[in-house]
Amino acid sequence: MKATISQLWDTHRQIISFDDSDVYRPKSFSDLKKCDNVLIGKKITKGGPTEVLIDNDIYLVMKIRIMHPTGCGSMDMLEAY
C-alpha cells in the first residue's frame, strides 16, 4: 500500500489517500505508518503539524476533521501542507 497526495473534491486542500483512491484515506498517523513509501518524523509543536516523508517529498501533515459535503456527518483525514 502506498500513500499519495490528492486534492479533496473541489476545495484545493491536499489530503493523503491510499493508492490515489477517492474513498480510502488514512485517518491517523498509525494508519499512515502502514504505507511502504512513508517515513514519519517529529511533531513540530504540540498540537501542530508533523513532518512526513512521502516518496522523496517532505510534507507538514495535520489530522483534521471536516464535514462531509452531503451533510451526513464528519470525516477524519490527514491534510498535507
Foldseek 3Di string as FASTA:
>chain_A
DAWDWDAQDPPRWIFIAPPPDNPGADQDVVSVVVHPQKDWAAAPDVQFFTWMAGNHDIWTKDWDWDADPVRPGIGITITTD
